[in-house]
Amino acid sequence: MNVPTIPTRLRWDGKTTFIRHSGVEVVLPFRPPIFGKEVAEIDYAPTMGAMQIRESADRWRDMTAAENSLAHAWLSLLSQDVLGAANRLVEA
């Protein structure tokens, strides 16, 4: 997946989740577990003005304020967890 350098990014393309937030970059082979419904695609890059979601056979739409908040909170928690794990490995 080719993703330009954007400070905060969540991109689910139906196969892979790409995450970049707070200096952490992660690629996951599954859909982000942040929405209570099946999501076909997500493009969340708030600094670029992209905060969109596509559910199953629907068209792209702007995320609701609640979806935007969920995405940001999940990115923050995930990046903190990854940094914490990395720090524990370095200290071991």
PDB file of N, CA and C in Angstrom:
ATOM      1  N   MET A   1       0.855  -1.167   0.000  1.00  0.00           N
ATOM      2  CA  MET A   1       0.000   0.000   0.000  1.00  0.00           C
ATOM      3  C   MET A   1       0.899   1.227   0.000  1.00  0.00           C
ATOM      4  N   ASN A   2       0.739   2.104  -0.955  1.00  0.00           N
ATOM      5  CA  ASN A   2       1.524   3.323  -1.039  1.00  0.00           C
ATOM      6  C   ASN A   2       0.748   4.443  -0.354  1.00  0.00           C
ATOM      7  N   VAL A   3       1.262   4.925   0.781  1.00  0.00           N
ATOM      8  CA  VAL A   3       0.583   5.962   1.553  1.00  0.00           C
ATOM      9  C   VAL A   3       1.547   7.130   1.730  1.00  0.00           C
ATOM     10  N   PRO A   4       1.185   8.329   1.255  1.00  0.00           N
ATOM     11  CA  PRO A   4       2.087   9.471   1.406  1.00  0.00           C
ATOM     12  C   PRO A   4       2.304   9.830   2.878  1.00  0.00           C
ATOM     13  N   THR A   5       3.371  10.559   3.139  1.00  0.00           N
ATOM     14  CA  THR A   5       3.700  10.951   4.502  1.00  0.00           C
ATOM     15  C   THR A   5       2.723  12.010   5.001  1.00  0.00           C
ATOM     16  N   ILE A   6       1.837  11.574   5.878  1.00  0.00           N
ATOM     17  CA  ILE A   6       0.833  12.426   6.514  1.00  0.00           C
ATOM     18  C   ILE A   6       0.927  12.112   8.000  1.00  0.00           C
ATOM     19  N   PRO A   7       0.962  13.113   8.895  1.00  0.00           N
ATOM     20  CA  PRO A   7       1.214  12.842  10.316  1.00  0.00           C
ATOM     21  C   PRO A   7       0.209  11.892  10.971  1.00  0.00           C
ATOM     22  N   THR A   8      -1.055  12.027  10.666  1.00  0.00           N
ATOM     23  CA  THR A   8      -2.070  11.125  11.210  1.00  0.00           C
ATOM     24  C   THR A   8      -2.831  10.513  10.058  1.00  0.00           C
ATOM     25  N   ARG A   9      -2.841   9.171  10.033  1.00  0.00           N
ATOM     26  CA  ARG A   9      -3.493   8.495   8.915  1.00  0.00           C
ATOM     27  C   ARG A   9      -4.041   7.155   9.372  1.00  0.00           C
ATOM     28  N   LEU A  10      -5.245   6.864   8.959  1.00  0.00           N
ATOM     29  CA  LEU A  10      -5.855   5.545   9.128  1.00  0.00           C
ATOM     30  C   LEU A  10      -6.462   5.199   7.784  1.00  0.00           C
ATOM     31  N   ARG A  11      -5.947   4.139   7.179  1.00  0.00           N
ATOM     32  CA  ARG A  11      -6.429   3.749   5.853  1.00  0.00           C
ATOM     33  C   ARG A  11      -6.716   2.263   5.853  1.00  0.00           C
ATOM     34  N   TRP A  12      -7.956   1.882   5.668  1.00  0.00           N
ATOM     35  CA  TRP A  12      -8.369   0.486   5.520  1.00  0.00           C
ATOM     36  C   TRP A  12      -8.844   0.343   4.089  1.00  0.00           C
ATOM     37  N   ASP A  13      -8.206  -0.534   3.328  1.00  0.00           N
ATOM     38  CA  ASP A  13      -8.549  -0.695   1.912  1.00  0.00           C
ATOM     39  C   ASP A  13      -9.317  -1.984   1.638  1.00  0.00           C
ATOM     40  N   GLY A  14      -9.765  -2.648   2.688  1.00  0.00           N
ATOM     41  CA  GLY A  14     -10.482  -3.903   2.540  1.00  0.00           C
ATOM     42  C   GLY A  14      -9.607  -5.119   2.789  1.00  0.00           C
ATOM     43  N   LYS A  15      -8.294  -4.898   2.828  1.00  0.00           N
ATOM     44  CA  LYS A  15      -7.356  -5.994   3.070  1.00  0.00           C
ATOM     45  C   LYS A  15      -6.356  -5.665   4.170  1.00  0.00           C
ATOM     46  N   THR A  16      -5.901  -4.424   4.183  1.00  0.00           N
ATOM     47  CA  THR A  16      -4.834  -4.002   5.085  1.00  0.00           C
ATOM     48  C   THR A  16      -5.203  -2.677   5.744  1.00  0.00           C
ATOM     49  N   THR A  17      -4.844  -2.560   7.013  1.00  0.00           N
ATOM     50  CA  THR A  17      -5.014  -1.298   7.736  1.00  0.00           C
ATOM     51  C   THR A  17      -3.646  -0.654   7.891  1.00  0.00           C
ATOM     52  N   PHE A  18      -3.511   0.570   7.415  1.00  0.00           N
ATOM     53  CA  PHE A  18      -2.282   1.342   7.577  1.00  0.00           C
ATOM     54  C   PHE A  18      -2.567   2.425   8.606  1.00  0.00           C
ATOM     55  N   ILE A  19      -1.673   2.549   9.588  1.00  0.00           N
ATOM     56  CA  ILE A  19      -1.851   3.510  10.674  1.00  0.00           C
ATOM     57  C   ILE A  19      -0.578   4.325  10.836  1.00  0.00           C
ATOM     58  N   ARG A  20      -0.741   5.622  10.963  1.00  0.00           N
ATOM     59  CA  ARG A  20       0.374   6.506  11.310  1.00  0.00           C
ATOM     60  C   ARG A  20      -0.171   7.547  12.281  1.00  0.00           C
ATOM     61  N   HIS A  21       0.456   7.623  13.458  1.00  0.00           N
ATOM     62  CA  HIS A  21       0.012   8.597  14.463  1.00  0.00           C
ATOM     63  C   HIS A  21       1.101   8.732  15.526  1.00  0.00           C
ATOM     64  N   SER A  22       1.403   9.942  15.933  1.00  0.00           N
ATOM     65  CA  SER A  22       2.369  10.224  16.999  1.00  0.00           C
ATOM     66  C   SER A  22       3.710   9.519  16.784  1.00  0.00           C
ATOM     67  N   GLY A  23       4.178   9.508  15.548  1.00  0.00           N
ATOM     68  CA  GLY A  23       5.468   8.909  15.251  1.00  0.00           C
ATOM     69  C   GLY A  23       5.454   7.393  15.125  1.00  0.00           C
ATOM     70  N   VAL A  24       4.284   6.788  15.231  1.00  0.00           N
ATOM     71  CA  VAL A  24       4.157   5.334  15.122  1.00  0.00           C
ATOM     72  C   VAL A  24       3.541   5.008  13.773  1.00  0.00           C
ATOM     73  N   GLU A  25       4.095   3.988  13.127  1.00  0.00           N
ATOM     74  CA  GLU A  25       3.558   3.534  11.850  1.00  0.00           C
ATOM     75  C   GLU A  25       3.368   2.017  11.945  1.00  0.00           C
ATOM     76  N   VAL A  26       2.148   1.558  11.675  1.00  0.00           N
ATOM     77  CA  VAL A  26       1.813   0.140  11.822  1.00  0.00           C
ATOM     78  C   VAL A  26       0.968  -0.293  10.633  1.00  0.00           C
ATOM     79  N   VAL A  27       1.190  -1.513  10.173  1.00  0.00           N
ATOM     80  CA  VAL A  27       0.350  -2.119   9.150  1.00  0.00           C
ATOM     81  C   VAL A  27      -0.256  -3.379   9.762  1.00  0.00           C
ATOM     82  N   LEU A  28      -1.583  -3.484   9.700  1.00  0.00           N
ATOM     83  CA  LEU A  28      -2.299  -4.625  10.272  1.00  0.00           C
ATOM     84  C   LEU A  28      -3.061  -5.366   9.173  1.00  0.00           C
ATOM     85  N   PRO A  29      -3.117  -6.691   9.240  1.00  0.00           N
ATOM     86  CA  PRO A  29      -3.803  -7.457   8.197  1.00  0.00           C
ATOM     87  C   PRO A  29      -5.292  -7.661   8.469  1.00  0.00           C
ATOM     88  N   PHE A  30      -5.916  -6.722   9.172  1.00  0.00           N
ATOM     89  CA  PHE A  30      -7.343  -6.841   9.481  1.00  0.00           C
ATOM     90  C   PHE A  30      -7.987  -5.465   9.599  1.00  0.00           C
ATOM     91  N   ARG A  31      -9.307  -5.462   9.555  1.00  0.00           N
ATOM     92  CA  ARG A  31     -10.086  -4.227   9.663  1.00  0.00           C
ATOM     93  C   ARG A  31      -9.950  -3.653  11.063  1.00  0.00           C
ATOM     94  N   PRO A  32      -9.815  -2.342  11.194  1.00  0.00           N
ATOM     95  CA  PRO A  32      -9.726  -1.756  12.532  1.00  0.00           C
ATOM     96  C   PRO A  32     -11.031  -1.996  13.294  1.00  0.00           C
ATOM     97  N   PRO A  33     -10.946  -2.461  14.531  1.00  0.00           N
ATOM     98  CA  PRO A  33     -12.141  -2.831  15.296  1.00  0.00           C
ATOM     99  C   PRO A  33     -12.794  -1.645  16.008  1.00  0.00           C
ATOM    100  N   ILE A  34     -12.947  -0.531  15.313  1.00  0.00           N
ATOM    101  CA  ILE A  34     -13.439   0.665  15.993  1.00  0.00           C
ATOM    102  C   ILE A  34     -14.876   1.024  15.682  1.00  0.00           C
ATOM    103  N   PHE A  35     -15.432   0.444  14.649  1.00  0.00           N
ATOM    104  CA  PHE A  35     -16.818   0.741  14.309  1.00  0.00           C
ATOM    105  C   PHE A  35     -17.640  -0.526  14.493  1.00  0.00           C
ATOM    106  N   GLY A  36     -18.865  -0.384  14.962  1.00  0.00           N
ATOM    107  CA  GLY A  36     -19.703  -1.539  15.253  1.00  0.00           C
ATOM    108  C   GLY A  36     -20.367  -2.134  14.026  1.00  0.00           C
ATOM    109  N   LYS A  37     -19.899  -1.831  12.851  1.00  0.00           N
ATOM    110  CA  LYS A  37     -20.507  -2.352  11.625  1.00  0.00           C
ATOM    111  C   LYS A  37     -19.406  -2.711  10.632  1.00  0.00           C
ATOM    112  N   GLU A  38     -19.765  -3.496   9.648  1.00  0.00           N
ATOM    113  CA  GLU A  38     -18.800  -3.840   8.621  1.00  0.00           C
ATOM    114  C   GLU A  38     -18.469  -2.594   7.794  1.00  0.00           C
ATOM    115  N   VAL A  39     -17.214  -2.336   7.640  1.00  0.00           N
ATOM    116  CA  VAL A  39     -16.751  -1.178   6.893  1.00  0.00           C
ATOM    117  C   VAL A  39     -15.920  -1.678   5.720  1.00  0.00           C
ATOM    118  N   ALA A  40     -16.263  -1.241   4.528  1.00  0.00           N
ATOM    119  CA  ALA A  40     -15.530  -1.670   3.330  1.00  0.00           C
ATOM    120  C   ALA A  40     -14.199  -0.925   3.212  1.00  0.00           C
ATOM    121  N   GLU A  41     -14.203   0.383   3.498  1.00  0.00           N
ATOM    122  CA  GLU A  41     -12.984   1.186   3.402  1.00  0.00           C
ATOM    123  C   GLU A  41     -13.055   2.366   4.364  1.00  0.00           C
ATOM    124  N   ILE A  42     -11.886   2.810   4.801  1.00  0.00           N
ATOM    125  CA  ILE A  42     -11.760   3.998   5.647  1.00  0.00           C
ATOM    126  C   ILE A  42     -10.598   4.821   5.109  1.00  0.00           C
ATOM    127  N   ASP A  43     -10.781   6.122   5.032  1.00  0.00           N
ATOM    128  CA  ASP A  43      -9.695   7.038   4.702  1.00  0.00           C
ATOM    129  C   ASP A  43      -9.772   8.194   5.680  1.00  0.00           C
ATOM    130  N   TYR A  44      -8.914   8.158   6.694  1.00  0.00           N
ATOM    131  CA  TYR A  44      -8.919   9.154   7.764  1.00  0.00           C
ATOM    132  C   TYR A  44      -7.562   9.828   7.813  1.00  0.00           C
ATOM    133  N   ALA A  45      -7.520  11.064   7.353  1.00  0.00           N
ATOM    134  CA  ALA A  45      -6.304  11.876   7.381  1.00  0.00           C
ATOM    135  C   ALA A  45      -6.751  13.308   7.657  1.00  0.00           C
ATOM    136  N   PRO A  46      -7.032  13.621   8.922  1.00  0.00           N
ATOM    137  CA  PRO A  46      -7.642  14.919   9.242  1.00  0.00           C
ATOM    138  C   PRO A  46      -6.850  16.140   8.798  1.00  0.00           C
ATOM    139  N   THR A  47      -5.520  16.065   8.792  1.00  0.00           N
ATOM    140  CA  THR A  47      -4.744  17.234   8.360  1.00  0.00           C
ATOM    141  C   THR A  47      -4.873  17.482   6.867  1.00  0.00           C
ATOM    142  N   MET A  48      -5.307  16.457   6.131  1.00  0.00           N
ATOM    143  CA  MET A  48      -5.526  16.587   4.691  1.00  0.00           C
ATOM    144  C   MET A  48      -7.006  16.813   4.362  1.00  0.00           C
ATOM    145  N   GLY A  49      -7.847  16.842   5.389  1.00  0.00           N
ATOM    146  CA  GLY A  49      -9.276  17.046   5.170  1.00  0.00           C
ATOM    147  C   GLY A  49     -10.014  15.789   4.746  1.00  0.00           C
ATOM    148  N   ALA A  50      -9.371  14.634   4.853  1.00  0.00           N
ATOM    149  CA  ALA A  50     -10.008  13.374   4.476  1.00  0.00           C
ATOM    150  C   ALA A  50     -10.461  12.644   5.735  1.00  0.00           C
ATOM    151  N   MET A  51     -11.749  12.523   5.900  1.00  0.00           N
ATOM    152  CA  MET A  51     -12.330  11.776   7.013  1.00  0.00           C
ATOM    153  C   MET A  51     -13.562  11.084   6.465  1.00  0.00           C
ATOM    154  N   GLN A  52     -13.304  10.013   5.690  1.00  0.00           N
ATOM    155  CA  GLN A  52     -14.386   9.347   4.972  1.00  0.00           C
ATOM    156  C   GLN A  52     -14.434   7.867   5.283  1.00  0.00           C
ATOM    157  N   ILE A  53     -15.610   7.307   5.042  1.00  0.00           N
ATOM    158  CA  ILE A  53     -15.856   5.896   5.303  1.00  0.00           C
ATOM    159  C   ILE A  53     -16.775   5.362   4.209  1.00  0.00           C
ATOM    160  N   ARG A  54     -16.599   4.096   3.883  1.00  0.00           N
ATOM    161  CA  ARG A  54     -17.493   3.459   2.915  1.00  0.00           C
ATOM    162  C   ARG A  54     -17.956   2.144   3.514  1.00  0.00           C
ATOM    163  N   GLU A  55     -19.255   2.027   3.696  1.00  0.00           N
ATOM    164  CA  GLU A  55     -19.838   0.817   4.247  1.00  0.00           C
ATOM    165  C   GLU A  55     -20.284  -0.096   3.112  1.00  0.00           C
ATOM    166  N   SER A  56     -19.986  -1.364   3.213  1.00  0.00           N
ATOM    167  CA  SER A  56     -20.312  -2.422   2.245  1.00  0.00           C
ATOM    168  C   SER A  56     -20.479  -1.899   0.825  1.00  0.00           C
ATOM    169  N   ALA A  57     -21.662  -1.928   0.264  1.00  0.00           N
ATOM    170  CA  ALA A  57     -21.879  -1.538  -1.137  1.00  0.00           C
ATOM    171  C   ALA A  57     -22.197  -0.054  -1.300  1.00  0.00           C
ATOM    172  N   ASP A  58     -22.119   0.703  -0.230  1.00  0.00           N
ATOM    173  CA  ASP A  58     -22.445   2.129  -0.284  1.00  0.00           C
ATOM    174  C   ASP A  58     -21.310   2.944  -0.883  1.00  0.00           C
ATOM    175  N   ARG A  59     -21.623   4.198  -1.159  1.00  0.00           N
ATOM    176  CA  ARG A  59     -20.607   5.150  -1.636  1.00  0.00           C
ATOM    177  C   ARG A  59     -19.856   5.727  -0.448  1.00  0.00           C
ATOM    178  N   TRP A  60     -18.726   6.369  -0.754  1.00  0.00           N
ATOM    179  CA  TRP A  60     -17.980   7.091   0.273  1.00  0.00           C
ATOM    180  C   TRP A  60     -18.863   8.165   0.873  1.00  0.00           C
ATOM    181  N   ARG A  61     -18.704   8.390   2.171  1.00  0.00           N
ATOM    182  CA  ARG A  61     -19.385   9.484   2.852  1.00  0.00           C
ATOM    183  C   ARG A  61     -18.456  10.035   3.921  1.00  0.00           C
ATOM    184  N   ASP A  62     -18.729  11.272   4.335  1.00  0.00           N
ATOM    185  CA  ASP A  62     -17.950  11.862   5.418  1.00  0.00           C
ATOM    186  C   ASP A  62     -18.269  11.141   6.726  1.00  0.00           C
ATOM    187  N   MET A  63     -17.255  10.981   7.551  1.00  0.00           N
ATOM    188  CA  MET A  63     -17.471  10.389   8.870  1.00  0.00           C
ATOM    189  C   MET A  63     -18.320  11.325   9.712  1.00  0.00           C
ATOM    190  N   THR A  64     -19.121  10.742  10.582  1.00  0.00           N
ATOM    191  CA  THR A  64     -19.857  11.549  11.545  1.00  0.00           C
ATOM    192  C   THR A  64     -18.862  12.043  12.597  1.00  0.00           C
ATOM    193  N   ALA A  65     -19.292  12.991  13.407  1.00  0.00           N
ATOM    194  CA  ALA A  65     -18.426  13.481  14.483  1.00  0.00           C
ATOM    195  C   ALA A  65     -18.056  12.343  15.433  1.00  0.00           C
ATOM    196  N   ALA A  66     -18.998  11.458  15.704  1.00  0.00           N
ATOM    197  CA  ALA A  66     -18.732  10.323  16.598  1.00  0.00           C
ATOM    198  C   ALA A  66     -17.713   9.365  15.974  1.00  0.00           C
ATOM    199  N   GLU A  67     -17.838   9.073  14.688  1.00  0.00           N
ATOM    200  CA  GLU A  67     -16.885   8.200  14.004  1.00  0.00           C
ATOM    201  C   GLU A  67     -15.496   8.836  13.969  1.00  0.00           C
ATOM    202  N   ASN A  68     -15.450  10.129  13.737  1.00  0.00           N
ATOM    203  CA  ASN A  68     -14.188  10.864  13.734  1.00  0.00           C
ATOM    204  C   ASN A  68     -13.524  10.751  15.109  1.00  0.00           C
ATOM    205  N   SER A  69     -14.295  10.946  16.163  1.00  0.00           N
ATOM    206  CA  SER A  69     -13.760  10.850  17.526  1.00  0.00           C
ATOM    207  C   SER A  69     -13.264   9.446  17.835  1.00  0.00           C
ATOM    208  N   LEU A  70     -14.026   8.431  17.409  1.00  0.00           N
ATOM    209  CA  LEU A  70     -13.610   7.041  17.624  1.00  0.00           C
ATOM    210  C   LEU A  70     -12.300   6.743  16.911  1.00  0.00           C
ATOM    211  N   ALA A  71     -12.183   7.173  15.677  1.00  0.00           N
ATOM    212  CA  ALA A  71     -10.967   6.932  14.905  1.00  0.00           C
ATOM    213  C   ALA A  71      -9.764   7.582  15.584  1.00  0.00           C
ATOM    214  N   HIS A  72      -9.916   8.829  15.991  1.00  0.00           N
ATOM    215  CA  HIS A  72      -8.800   9.537  16.631  1.00  0.00           C
ATOM    216  C   HIS A  72      -8.424   8.889  17.968  1.00  0.00           C
ATOM    217  N   ALA A  73      -9.432   8.540  18.773  1.00  0.00           N
ATOM    218  CA  ALA A  73      -9.154   7.915  20.067  1.00  0.00           C
ATOM    219  C   ALA A  73      -8.446   6.571  19.883  1.00  0.00           C
ATOM    220  N   TRP A  74      -8.896   5.773  18.907  1.00  0.00           N
ATOM    221  CA  TRP A  74      -8.278   4.465  18.672  1.00  0.00           C
ATOM    222  C   TRP A  74      -6.831   4.634  18.209  1.00  0.00           C
ATOM    223  N   LEU A  75      -6.584   5.588  17.316  1.00  0.00           N
ATOM    224  CA  LEU A  75      -5.214   5.839  16.860  1.00  0.00           C
ATOM    225  C   LEU A  75      -4.320   6.254  18.030  1.00  0.00           C
ATOM    226  N   SER A  76      -4.833   7.100  18.895  1.00  0.00           N
ATOM    227  CA  SER A  76      -4.058   7.553  20.059  1.00  0.00           C
ATOM    228  C   SER A  76      -3.726   6.390  20.988  1.00  0.00           C
ATOM    229  N   LEU A  77      -4.721   5.554  21.291  1.00  0.00           N
ATOM    230  CA  LEU A  77      -4.489   4.405  22.174  1.00  0.00           C
ATOM    231  C   LEU A  77      -3.517   3.411  21.549  1.00  0.00           C
ATOM    232  N   LEU A  78      -3.714   3.107  20.283  1.00  0.00           N
ATOM    233  CA  LEU A  78      -2.840   2.150  19.607  1.00  0.00           C
ATOM    234  C   LEU A  78      -1.401   2.649  19.577  1.00  0.00           C
ATOM    235  N   SER A  79      -1.208   3.917  19.232  1.00  0.00           N
ATOM    236  CA  SER A  79       0.156   4.438  19.153  1.00  0.00           C
ATOM    237  C   SER A  79       0.807   4.460  20.537  1.00  0.00           C
ATOM    238  N   GLN A  80       0.042   4.765  21.593  1.00  0.00           N
ATOM    239  CA  GLN A  80       0.593   4.725  22.959  1.00  0.00           C
ATOM    240  C   GLN A  80       0.993   3.302  23.335  1.00  0.00           C
ATOM    241  N   ASP A  81       0.157   2.330  22.987  1.00  0.00           N
ATOM    242  CA  ASP A  81       0.462   0.928  23.283  1.00  0.00           C
ATOM    243  C   ASP A  81       1.726   0.471  22.556  1.00  0.00           C
ATOM    244  N   VAL A  82       1.851   0.833  21.286  1.00  0.00           N
ATOM    245  CA  VAL A  82       3.016   0.433  20.507  1.00  0.00           C
ATOM    246  C   VAL A  82       4.283   1.072  21.086  1.00  0.00           C
ATOM    247  N   LEU A  83       4.224   2.358  21.410  1.00  0.00           N
ATOM    248  CA  LEU A  83       5.388   3.029  21.993  1.00  0.00           C
ATOM    249  C   LEU A  83       5.750   2.434  23.345  1.00  0.00           C
ATOM    250  N   GLY A  84       4.736   2.117  24.155  1.00  0.00           N
ATOM    251  CA  GLY A  84       4.978   1.497  25.463  1.00  0.00           C
ATOM    252  C   GLY A  84       5.655   0.141  25.319  1.00  0.00           C
ATOM    253  N   ALA A  85       5.163  -0.670  24.382  1.00  0.00           N
ATOM    254  CA  ALA A  85       5.763  -1.987  24.144  1.00  0.00           C
ATOM    255  C   ALA A  85       7.208  -1.847  23.658  1.00  0.00           C
ATOM    256  N   ALA A  86       7.445  -0.902  22.761  1.00  0.00           N
ATOM    257  CA  ALA A  86       8.802  -0.688  22.254  1.00  0.00           C
ATOM    258  C   ALA A  86       9.737  -0.251  23.377  1.00  0.00           C
ATOM    259  N   ASN A  87       9.273   0.624  24.241  1.00  0.00           N
ATOM    260  CA  ASN A  87      10.092   1.075  25.358  1.00  0.00           C
ATOM    261  C   ASN A  87      10.418  -0.066  26.322  1.00  0.00           C
ATOM    262  N   ARG A  88       9.441  -0.952  26.568  1.00  0.00           N
ATOM    263  CA  ARG A  88       9.688  -2.092  27.445  1.00  0.00           C
ATOM    264  C   ARG A  88      10.741  -3.027  26.834  1.00  0.00           C
ATOM    265  N   LEU A  89      10.708  -3.190  25.517  1.00  0.00           N
ATOM    266  CA  LEU A  89      11.708  -4.038  24.864  1.00  0.00           C
ATOM    267  C   LEU A  89      13.100  -3.436  24.982  1.00  0.00           C
ATOM    268  N   VAL A  90      13.194  -2.125  24.842  1.00  0.00           N
ATOM    269  CA  VAL A  90      14.494  -1.458  24.929  1.00  0.00           C
ATOM    270  C   VAL A  90      15.036  -1.543  26.351  1.00  0.00           C
ATOM    271  N   GLU A  91      14.152  -1.410  27.330  1.00  0.00           N
ATOM    272  CA  GLU A  91      14.589  -1.436  28.732  1.00  0.00           C
ATOM    273  C   GLU A  91      14.933  -2.845  29.218  1.00  0.00           C
ATOM    274  N   ALA A  92      14.464  -3.870  28.527  1.00  0.00           N
ATOM    275  CA  ALA A  92      14.697  -5.261  28.972  1.00  0.00           C
ATOM    276  C   ALA A  92      16.119  -5.698  28.748  1.00  0.00           C
TER     277      ALA A  92
END
